[in-house]
Amino acid sequence: MEQRLTDDERLTLKTGAFGAVFLVSNADPGVVALFRESFAASGAMADASGLVKEALTTGPLPKLPRASTPEIAAVVLPALSRAVEVLAARSPQDVESYRSVVLAAADRTARAHRGVVPAEVEAIARIRAALDGSS
């Protein structure tokens, strides 16, 4: 049975999802890449539905660290794990949808500019592990 999310829970889902895209994008930085990657990721996020879509499209954008990949990962990976926990408790049928949307956005981000590089593959593996609760 689906339950409404609190503002903090929605922000956790957004931090995980948007942060995953930022983590992959930061793995192979570049100004031109940033625009292509953002566009690619937004397409995947638009495919969300139900509670996941509501969480990703309402409320403020998350504040993510801008300094280094380790700092970004230290915020994003726990948020992904927590987001899955929140959904498992509030709306179990949406857990797989969230995982799929986040992984699709991360994958589209990686493929958006010059193909996928090893650093992006590693970032996606870390994202997948956090979503699976094994980070």
N, C-alpha and C. Protein backbone atom coordinates (compact mmCIF):
# COMPACT_ATOMS: atom_id res chain seq x y z
N MET A 1 0.84 -1.18 0.00
CA MET A 1 0.00 0.00 0.00
C MET A 1 0.88 1.24 0.00
N GLU A 2 0.65 2.11 -0.95
CA GLU A 2 1.45 3.33 -1.10
C GLU A 2 1.08 4.36 -0.04
N GLN A 3 2.09 4.97 0.55
CA GLN A 3 1.89 6.05 1.51
C GLN A 3 2.61 7.28 1.00
N ARG A 4 2.07 8.44 1.28
CA ARG A 4 2.70 9.69 0.87
C ARG A 4 4.06 9.83 1.54
N LEU A 5 4.97 10.49 0.84
CA LEU A 5 6.30 10.72 1.38
C LEU A 5 6.35 12.08 2.08
N THR A 6 7.18 12.16 3.10
CA THR A 6 7.43 13.45 3.74
C THR A 6 8.34 14.28 2.84
N ASP A 7 8.47 15.55 3.13
CA ASP A 7 9.38 16.40 2.36
C ASP A 7 10.81 15.88 2.44
N ASP A 8 11.21 15.43 3.62
CA ASP A 8 12.58 14.90 3.79
C ASP A 8 12.78 13.62 2.98
N GLU A 9 11.78 12.78 2.95
CA GLU A 9 11.88 11.54 2.18
C GLU A 9 11.96 11.83 0.68
N ARG A 10 11.13 12.77 0.21
CA ARG A 10 11.20 13.16 -1.21
C ARG A 10 12.58 13.71 -1.54
N LEU A 11 13.12 14.52 -0.65
CA LEU A 11 14.44 15.09 -0.88
C LEU A 11 15.51 14.00 -0.91
N THR A 12 15.36 12.97 -0.10
CA THR A 12 16.29 11.84 -0.12
C THR A 12 16.26 11.14 -1.47
N LEU A 13 15.06 10.88 -1.98
CA LEU A 13 14.93 10.25 -3.30
C LEU A 13 15.56 11.12 -4.38
N LYS A 14 15.31 12.42 -4.31
CA LYS A 14 15.87 13.33 -5.30
C LYS A 14 17.39 13.42 -5.18
N THR A 15 17.89 13.48 -3.96
CA THR A 15 19.33 13.54 -3.75
C THR A 15 20.00 12.31 -4.35
N GLY A 16 19.41 11.16 -4.12
CA GLY A 16 19.96 9.93 -4.69
C GLY A 16 19.93 9.94 -6.21
N ALA A 17 18.77 10.25 -6.79
CA ALA A 17 18.61 10.19 -8.24
C ALA A 17 19.42 11.26 -8.96
N PHE A 18 19.26 12.51 -8.57
CA PHE A 18 20.00 13.58 -9.22
C PHE A 18 21.49 13.47 -8.91
N GLY A 19 21.79 13.04 -7.69
CA GLY A 19 23.18 12.86 -7.31
C GLY A 19 23.86 11.76 -8.10
N ALA A 20 23.13 10.69 -8.41
CA ALA A 20 23.70 9.60 -9.21
C ALA A 20 24.12 10.12 -10.58
N VAL A 21 23.26 10.93 -11.17
CA VAL A 21 23.58 11.53 -12.47
C VAL A 21 24.82 12.43 -12.34
N PHE A 22 24.86 13.22 -11.30
CA PHE A 22 26.00 14.11 -11.08
C PHE A 22 27.28 13.32 -10.84
N LEU A 23 27.18 12.21 -10.11
CA LEU A 23 28.35 11.37 -9.85
C LEU A 23 28.91 10.81 -11.15
N VAL A 24 28.05 10.33 -12.03
CA VAL A 24 28.50 9.80 -13.32
C VAL A 24 29.06 10.92 -14.18
N SER A 25 28.38 12.04 -14.22
CA SER A 25 28.83 13.18 -15.01
C SER A 25 30.20 13.68 -14.54
N ASN A 26 30.38 13.70 -13.24
CA ASN A 26 31.64 14.17 -12.65
C ASN A 26 32.79 13.19 -12.91
N ALA A 27 32.46 11.94 -13.21
CA ALA A 27 33.50 10.93 -13.48
C ALA A 27 34.25 11.23 -14.77
N ASP A 28 33.60 11.94 -15.70
CA ASP A 28 34.23 12.34 -16.96
C ASP A 28 33.77 13.76 -17.28
N PRO A 29 34.32 14.75 -16.55
CA PRO A 29 33.81 16.11 -16.63
C PRO A 29 34.12 16.80 -17.97
N GLY A 30 33.32 17.81 -18.25
CA GLY A 30 33.51 18.64 -19.43
C GLY A 30 32.27 19.50 -19.62
N VAL A 31 32.44 20.71 -20.10
CA VAL A 31 31.33 21.64 -20.25
C VAL A 31 30.32 21.16 -21.28
N VAL A 32 30.79 20.77 -22.45
CA VAL A 32 29.89 20.28 -23.49
C VAL A 32 29.20 19.01 -23.01
N ALA A 33 29.94 18.15 -22.39
CA ALA A 33 29.38 16.89 -21.89
C ALA A 33 28.26 17.15 -20.89
N LEU A 34 28.43 18.16 -20.06
CA LEU A 34 27.45 18.47 -19.03
C LEU A 34 26.06 18.70 -19.63
N PHE A 35 25.98 19.47 -20.70
CA PHE A 35 24.69 19.75 -21.33
C PHE A 35 24.09 18.49 -21.93
N ARG A 36 24.88 17.72 -22.66
CA ARG A 36 24.39 16.49 -23.26
C ARG A 36 23.94 15.50 -22.19
N GLU A 37 24.74 15.37 -21.16
CA GLU A 37 24.44 14.43 -20.09
C GLU A 37 23.17 14.83 -19.34
N SER A 38 23.01 16.10 -19.06
CA SER A 38 21.81 16.57 -18.36
C SER A 38 20.56 16.28 -19.17
N PHE A 39 20.64 16.53 -20.46
CA PHE A 39 19.50 16.27 -21.34
C PHE A 39 19.17 14.78 -21.37
N ALA A 40 20.20 13.96 -21.48
CA ALA A 40 20.00 12.51 -21.51
C ALA A 40 19.38 12.01 -20.22
N ALA A 41 19.87 12.49 -19.09
CA ALA A 41 19.35 12.05 -17.80
C ALA A 41 17.91 12.50 -17.60
N SER A 42 17.58 13.70 -18.07
CA SER A 42 16.21 14.19 -17.87
C SER A 42 15.21 13.30 -18.60
N GLY A 43 15.61 12.74 -19.73
CA GLY A 43 14.73 11.82 -20.45
C GLY A 43 14.41 10.59 -19.62
N ALA A 44 15.40 10.06 -18.94
CA ALA A 44 15.19 8.88 -18.10
C ALA A 44 14.31 9.22 -16.90
N MET A 45 14.53 10.38 -16.32
CA MET A 45 13.73 10.78 -15.16
C MET A 45 12.28 11.02 -15.57
N ALA A 46 12.07 11.49 -16.78
CA ALA A 46 10.71 11.72 -17.26
C ALA A 46 9.94 10.42 -17.41
N ASP A 47 10.63 9.32 -17.51
CA ASP A 47 9.98 8.01 -17.63
C ASP A 47 9.45 7.48 -16.30
N ALA A 48 9.77 8.15 -15.21
CA ALA A 48 9.30 7.71 -13.89
C ALA A 48 7.78 7.82 -13.82
N SER A 49 7.20 7.06 -12.90
CA SER A 49 5.76 7.14 -12.72
C SER A 49 5.42 7.02 -11.24
N GLY A 50 4.17 7.28 -10.93
CA GLY A 50 3.68 7.10 -9.58
C GLY A 50 4.41 7.93 -8.54
N LEU A 51 4.66 7.30 -7.41
CA LEU A 51 5.29 7.97 -6.28
C LEU A 51 6.71 8.43 -6.62
N VAL A 52 7.41 7.66 -7.43
CA VAL A 52 8.77 8.02 -7.82
C VAL A 52 8.75 9.32 -8.63
N LYS A 53 7.85 9.41 -9.59
CA LYS A 53 7.73 10.62 -10.40
C LYS A 53 7.39 11.82 -9.52
N GLU A 54 6.45 11.62 -8.62
CA GLU A 54 6.07 12.71 -7.71
C GLU A 54 7.28 13.19 -6.90
N ALA A 55 8.04 12.24 -6.38
CA ALA A 55 9.21 12.60 -5.57
C ALA A 55 10.25 13.35 -6.38
N LEU A 56 10.45 12.95 -7.63
CA LEU A 56 11.50 13.56 -8.44
C LEU A 56 11.09 14.88 -9.07
N THR A 57 9.80 15.18 -9.08
CA THR A 57 9.35 16.39 -9.78
C THR A 57 8.73 17.44 -8.87
N THR A 58 8.67 17.19 -7.57
CA THR A 58 8.11 18.18 -6.66
C THR A 58 9.15 18.60 -5.63
N GLY A 59 8.97 19.79 -5.10
CA GLY A 59 9.86 20.28 -4.06
C GLY A 59 11.17 20.80 -4.59
N PRO A 60 12.02 21.23 -3.69
CA PRO A 60 13.30 21.84 -4.09
C PRO A 60 14.28 20.82 -4.65
N LEU A 61 15.22 21.32 -5.42
CA LEU A 61 16.31 20.47 -5.91
C LEU A 61 17.28 20.21 -4.76
N PRO A 62 17.92 19.06 -4.78
CA PRO A 62 18.88 18.76 -3.71
C PRO A 62 20.14 19.61 -3.85
N LYS A 63 20.77 19.86 -2.73
CA LYS A 63 22.06 20.55 -2.72
C LYS A 63 23.13 19.48 -2.66
N LEU A 64 23.94 19.43 -3.70
CA LEU A 64 24.99 18.41 -3.79
C LEU A 64 26.36 19.06 -3.68
N PRO A 65 27.33 18.35 -3.09
CA PRO A 65 28.68 18.89 -3.04
C PRO A 65 29.23 19.09 -4.45
N ARG A 66 30.06 20.05 -4.62
CA ARG A 66 30.63 20.35 -5.94
C ARG A 66 32.14 20.10 -6.00
N ALA A 67 32.74 19.73 -4.89
CA ALA A 67 34.19 19.69 -4.80
C ALA A 67 34.82 18.49 -5.51
N SER A 68 34.62 17.31 -4.98
CA SER A 68 35.34 16.16 -5.49
C SER A 68 34.42 14.95 -5.58
N THR A 69 34.81 14.00 -6.38
CA THR A 69 34.03 12.77 -6.53
C THR A 69 33.84 12.06 -5.19
N PRO A 70 34.88 11.94 -4.34
CA PRO A 70 34.65 11.29 -3.04
C PRO A 70 33.61 12.02 -2.19
N GLU A 71 33.61 13.35 -2.22
CA GLU A 71 32.63 14.11 -1.45
C GLU A 71 31.22 13.92 -2.00
N ILE A 72 31.11 13.88 -3.32
CA ILE A 72 29.81 13.65 -3.95
C ILE A 72 29.31 12.26 -3.58
N ALA A 73 30.17 11.27 -3.72
CA ALA A 73 29.80 9.89 -3.41
C ALA A 73 29.39 9.74 -1.95
N ALA A 74 30.04 10.46 -1.05
CA ALA A 74 29.74 10.36 0.38
C ALA A 74 28.33 10.85 0.70
N VAL A 75 27.75 11.68 -0.15
CA VAL A 75 26.38 12.15 0.03
C VAL A 75 25.40 11.29 -0.77
N VAL A 76 25.76 11.01 -2.01
CA VAL A 76 24.84 10.37 -2.94
C VAL A 76 24.62 8.89 -2.63
N LEU A 77 25.65 8.14 -2.39
CA LEU A 77 25.49 6.70 -2.20
C LEU A 77 24.63 6.36 -0.98
N PRO A 78 24.85 7.02 0.17
CA PRO A 78 23.94 6.76 1.29
C PRO A 78 22.50 7.22 1.00
N ALA A 79 22.34 8.29 0.24
CA ALA A 79 20.99 8.74 -0.12
C ALA A 79 20.29 7.70 -0.98
N LEU A 80 21.01 7.07 -1.89
CA LEU A 80 20.42 6.02 -2.72
C LEU A 80 19.95 4.84 -1.86
N SER A 81 20.79 4.41 -0.95
CA SER A 81 20.43 3.30 -0.06
C SER A 81 19.23 3.67 0.81
N ARG A 82 19.25 4.88 1.33
CA ARG A 82 18.14 5.35 2.18
C ARG A 82 16.86 5.47 1.36
N ALA A 83 16.95 5.93 0.12
CA ALA A 83 15.78 6.06 -0.74
C ALA A 83 15.10 4.71 -0.94
N VAL A 84 15.90 3.68 -1.17
CA VAL A 84 15.35 2.33 -1.34
C VAL A 84 14.67 1.88 -0.04
N GLU A 85 15.28 2.17 1.09
CA GLU A 85 14.68 1.82 2.38
C GLU A 85 13.34 2.53 2.57
N VAL A 86 13.30 3.82 2.23
CA VAL A 86 12.07 4.61 2.36
C VAL A 86 10.97 4.00 1.49
N LEU A 87 11.31 3.73 0.24
CA LEU A 87 10.31 3.16 -0.66
C LEU A 87 9.87 1.77 -0.22
N ALA A 88 10.80 0.97 0.27
CA ALA A 88 10.45 -0.37 0.73
C ALA A 88 9.43 -0.29 1.87
N ALA A 89 9.55 0.72 2.72
CA ALA A 89 8.63 0.89 3.84
C ALA A 89 7.32 1.55 3.42
N ARG A 90 7.39 2.51 2.53
CA ARG A 90 6.21 3.32 2.18
C ARG A 90 5.44 2.82 0.96
N SER A 91 6.17 2.31 -0.01
CA SER A 91 5.55 1.92 -1.28
C SER A 91 6.41 0.86 -1.97
N PRO A 92 6.40 -0.36 -1.44
CA PRO A 92 7.30 -1.41 -1.94
C PRO A 92 7.23 -1.64 -3.45
N GLN A 93 6.06 -1.43 -4.04
CA GLN A 93 5.92 -1.64 -5.47
C GLN A 93 6.72 -0.63 -6.29
N ASP A 94 7.18 0.45 -5.66
CA ASP A 94 7.94 1.49 -6.38
C ASP A 94 9.46 1.34 -6.25
N VAL A 95 9.92 0.39 -5.47
CA VAL A 95 11.37 0.21 -5.30
C VAL A 95 12.05 -0.08 -6.63
N GLU A 96 11.52 -1.03 -7.37
CA GLU A 96 12.16 -1.40 -8.64
C GLU A 96 12.07 -0.26 -9.65
N SER A 97 10.99 0.49 -9.62
CA SER A 97 10.85 1.65 -10.50
C SER A 97 11.94 2.67 -10.21
N TYR A 98 12.18 2.94 -8.93
CA TYR A 98 13.22 3.90 -8.55
C TYR A 98 14.59 3.41 -9.02
N ARG A 99 14.90 2.16 -8.73
CA ARG A 99 16.18 1.59 -9.17
C ARG A 99 16.34 1.73 -10.68
N SER A 100 15.30 1.36 -11.40
CA SER A 100 15.36 1.40 -12.87
C SER A 100 15.57 2.81 -13.39
N VAL A 101 14.84 3.76 -12.83
CA VAL A 101 14.97 5.16 -13.28
C VAL A 101 16.37 5.68 -13.00
N VAL A 102 16.88 5.43 -11.81
CA VAL A 102 18.21 5.93 -11.44
C VAL A 102 19.28 5.29 -12.34
N LEU A 103 19.20 3.99 -12.53
CA LEU A 103 20.21 3.31 -13.36
C LEU A 103 20.10 3.73 -14.82
N ALA A 104 18.89 3.92 -15.31
CA ALA A 104 18.72 4.38 -16.69
C ALA A 104 19.28 5.79 -16.86
N ALA A 105 19.02 6.66 -15.89
CA ALA A 105 19.55 8.03 -15.96
C ALA A 105 21.08 8.01 -15.91
N ALA A 106 21.65 7.18 -15.04
CA ALA A 106 23.11 7.08 -14.94
C ALA A 106 23.70 6.54 -16.24
N ASP A 107 23.08 5.53 -16.79
CA ASP A 107 23.55 4.94 -18.04
C ASP A 107 23.45 5.93 -19.20
N ARG A 108 22.34 6.61 -19.31
CA ARG A 108 22.18 7.61 -20.38
C ARG A 108 23.18 8.75 -20.23
N THR A 109 23.46 9.11 -18.99
CA THR A 109 24.46 10.15 -18.73
C THR A 109 25.82 9.70 -19.24
N ALA A 110 26.19 8.48 -18.91
CA ALA A 110 27.50 7.95 -19.33
C ALA A 110 27.62 7.87 -20.85
N ARG A 111 26.55 7.51 -21.53
CA ARG A 111 26.58 7.32 -22.98
C ARG A 111 26.40 8.61 -23.77
N ALA A 112 26.08 9.69 -23.10
CA ALA A 112 25.72 10.94 -23.80
C ALA A 112 26.88 11.65 -24.48
N HIS A 113 28.09 11.38 -24.07
CA HIS A 113 29.23 12.13 -24.61
C HIS A 113 30.44 11.22 -24.75
N ARG A 114 30.91 10.99 -25.95
CA ARG A 114 32.12 10.23 -26.25
C ARG A 114 32.11 8.79 -25.76
N GLY A 115 30.97 8.22 -25.51
CA GLY A 115 30.93 6.84 -25.05
C GLY A 115 31.26 6.72 -23.57
N VAL A 116 31.17 5.53 -23.06
CA VAL A 116 31.35 5.26 -21.64
C VAL A 116 32.82 5.02 -21.34
N VAL A 117 33.34 5.75 -20.36
CA VAL A 117 34.74 5.59 -19.95
C VAL A 117 34.79 4.78 -18.65
N PRO A 118 35.95 4.19 -18.33
CA PRO A 118 36.05 3.35 -17.13
C PRO A 118 35.59 4.03 -15.83
N ALA A 119 35.87 5.30 -15.67
CA ALA A 119 35.44 5.99 -14.44
C ALA A 119 33.92 6.03 -14.33
N GLU A 120 33.25 6.15 -15.47
CA GLU A 120 31.78 6.14 -15.45
C GLU A 120 31.25 4.74 -15.14
N VAL A 121 31.91 3.72 -15.68
CA VAL A 121 31.51 2.34 -15.38
C VAL A 121 31.62 2.09 -13.88
N GLU A 122 32.71 2.58 -13.29
CA GLU A 122 32.89 2.41 -11.84
C GLU A 122 31.82 3.16 -11.06
N ALA A 123 31.50 4.38 -11.47
CA ALA A 123 30.47 5.16 -10.79
C ALA A 123 29.13 4.44 -10.85
N ILE A 124 28.79 3.90 -12.00
CA ILE A 124 27.51 3.18 -12.14
C ILE A 124 27.51 1.91 -11.28
N ALA A 125 28.63 1.23 -11.18
CA ALA A 125 28.72 0.05 -10.33
C ALA A 125 28.49 0.42 -8.86
N ARG A 126 29.03 1.56 -8.45
CA ARG A 126 28.83 2.01 -7.07
C ARG A 126 27.38 2.40 -6.82
N ILE A 127 26.77 3.02 -7.83
CA ILE A 127 25.35 3.39 -7.74
C ILE A 127 24.50 2.14 -7.61
N ARG A 128 24.76 1.15 -8.47
CA ARG A 128 24.01 -0.12 -8.43
C ARG A 128 24.17 -0.79 -7.06
N ALA A 129 25.37 -0.80 -6.53
CA ALA A 129 25.61 -1.42 -5.22
C ALA A 129 24.83 -0.69 -4.13
N ALA A 130 24.78 0.63 -4.19
CA ALA A 130 24.02 1.39 -3.18
C ALA A 130 22.53 1.10 -3.30
N LEU A 131 22.05 0.99 -4.51
CA LEU A 131 20.63 0.68 -4.72
C LEU A 131 20.28 -0.73 -4.27
N ASP A 132 21.26 -1.61 -4.31
CA ASP A 132 21.05 -3.00 -3.89
C ASP A 132 21.35 -3.21 -2.42
N GLY A 133 21.77 -2.15 -1.72
CA GLY A 133 22.06 -2.24 -0.31
C GLY A 133 23.40 -2.87 0.01
N SER A 134 24.31 -2.90 -0.97
CA SER A 134 25.62 -3.52 -0.72
C SER A 134 26.77 -2.54 -0.86
N SER A 135 26.49 -1.26 -0.66
CA SER A 135 27.58 -0.26 -0.78
C SER A 135 28.38 -0.16 0.48
